[in-house]
Amino acid sequence: MSNDNYNEFSKKRLIQNIEKRLKTTMIGVLAILEEELGELWGHDLHPSDRDLDQQEWLEVWQRARVRILDDGHSHLRAAQSELSTYSFKWNRYVTRFDIKGE
């Protein structure tokens, strides 16, 4: 692999890894909020079993969830754009074995 190809590979690898971590963070935050506050909108209930208050909270939650995801994806695209302006070289882990004579 040429040096230019390796640098491009390194950049793509870094961008993919950062993308995965940011998406995992966003989804993790949403999961925590659902776990901690989901009772407000009857998270584990069938839609027909929710009372009026839970239905209202569900609408609030859905709006907040969309905003969180939209904002997160916007920041992700900005980070990808920023990273694309840099050059990178992945310094792989290298293991060397010294073989000594018998």
Protein backbone atom coordinates (compact mmCIF):
# COMPACT_ATOMS: atom_id res chain seq x y z
CA MET A 1 0.00 0.00 0.00
CA SER A 2 1.43 3.37 -0.96
CA ASN A 3 1.97 6.05 1.64
CA ASP A 4 -0.89 8.18 0.24
CA ASN A 5 -3.27 5.21 0.26
CA TYR A 6 -2.23 4.32 3.79
CA ASN A 7 -2.83 7.89 4.99
CA GLU A 8 -6.26 7.91 3.35
CA PHE A 9 -7.04 4.53 4.93
CA SER A 10 -5.92 5.91 8.30
CA LYS A 11 -8.18 8.96 7.96
CA LYS A 12 -11.22 6.87 7.00
CA ARG A 13 -10.56 4.49 9.88
CA LEU A 14 -10.39 7.34 12.39
CA ILE A 15 -13.54 8.99 11.04
CA GLN A 16 -15.43 5.67 11.19
CA ASN A 17 -14.29 5.00 14.75
CA ILE A 18 -15.28 8.49 15.91
CA GLU A 19 -18.64 8.17 14.14
CA LYS A 20 -19.30 4.86 15.89
CA ARG A 21 -18.42 6.31 19.30
CA LEU A 22 -20.57 9.42 18.87
CA LYS A 23 -23.57 7.39 17.68
CA THR A 24 -23.11 4.95 20.57
CA THR A 25 -23.02 7.91 22.96
CA MET A 26 -26.24 9.39 21.55
CA ILE A 27 -28.09 6.08 21.67
CA GLY A 28 -26.72 5.36 25.13
CA VAL A 29 -27.98 8.69 26.45
CA LEU A 30 -31.43 8.03 24.98
CA ALA A 31 -31.47 4.57 26.57
CA ILE A 32 -30.53 6.01 29.97
CA LEU A 33 -33.28 8.63 29.73
CA GLU A 34 -35.82 5.98 28.76
CA GLU A 35 -34.69 3.77 31.65
CA GLU A 36 -34.78 6.58 34.23
CA LEU A 37 -37.76 8.61 33.00
CA GLY A 38 -39.71 6.20 30.81
CA GLU A 39 -42.28 5.65 33.52
CA LEU A 40 -43.54 9.17 32.80
CA TRP A 41 -44.78 8.11 29.36
CA GLY A 42 -45.43 4.44 30.09
CA HIS A 43 -42.39 3.23 28.21
CA ASP A 44 -43.15 -0.45 28.85
CA LEU A 45 -46.90 -0.14 28.30
CA HIS A 46 -48.93 -0.97 25.23
CA PRO A 47 -50.06 2.33 23.62
CA SER A 48 -53.71 1.62 24.46
CA ASP A 49 -52.80 1.22 28.16
CA ARG A 50 -51.34 4.73 28.54
CA ASP A 51 -53.35 7.34 30.42
CA LEU A 52 -53.71 10.94 29.21
CA ASP A 53 -50.70 12.21 31.20
CA GLN A 54 -48.50 9.42 29.81
CA GLN A 55 -49.63 10.20 26.28
CA GLU A 56 -48.70 13.86 26.76
CA TRP A 57 -45.31 12.91 28.20
CA LEU A 58 -44.77 10.54 25.28
CA GLU A 59 -45.24 13.44 22.86
CA VAL A 60 -42.74 15.52 24.86
CA TRP A 61 -40.28 12.60 24.86
CA GLN A 62 -40.63 12.02 21.12
CA ARG A 63 -39.95 15.70 20.35
CA ALA A 64 -36.92 15.71 22.66
CA ARG A 65 -35.62 12.45 21.17
CA VAL A 66 -35.83 13.81 17.62
CA ARG A 67 -34.05 17.01 18.67
CA ILE A 68 -31.28 15.05 20.43
CA LEU A 69 -30.71 12.83 17.41
CA ASP A 70 -30.87 15.70 14.91
CA ASP A 71 -28.42 17.77 16.96
CA GLY A 72 -26.10 14.81 17.46
CA HIS A 73 -26.06 13.97 13.76
CA SER A 74 -25.43 17.62 12.93
CA HIS A 75 -22.40 17.67 15.22
CA LEU A 76 -21.25 14.34 13.78
CA ARG A 77 -21.32 15.75 10.25
CA ALA A 78 -19.42 18.84 11.43
CA ALA A 79 -16.78 16.65 13.08
CA GLN A 80 -16.45 14.53 9.93
CA SER A 81 -16.04 17.68 7.85
CA GLU A 82 -13.42 19.03 10.25
CA LEU A 83 -11.49 15.76 10.29
CA SER A 84 -11.47 15.56 6.50
CA THR A 85 -9.24 18.64 6.41
CA TYR A 86 -6.44 16.86 8.30
CA SER A 87 -3.88 14.25 7.35
CA PHE A 88 -3.54 11.18 9.52
CA LYS A 89 -1.30 8.19 9.86
CA TRP A 90 -2.40 5.28 12.00
CA ASN A 91 0.45 4.11 14.19
CA ARG A 92 -0.50 0.47 14.45
CA TYR A 93 0.54 -1.61 17.35
CA VAL A 94 3.70 -3.45 16.46
CA THR A 95 4.95 -6.52 18.26
CA ARG A 96 8.49 -7.69 17.65
CA PHE A 97 9.79 -11.04 18.71
CA ASP A 98 13.51 -11.41 19.17
CA ILE A 99 14.49 -14.96 18.42
CA LYS A 100 17.70 -15.95 20.08
CA GLY A 101 19.87 -18.78 18.89
CA GLU A 102 19.27 -22.24 20.24
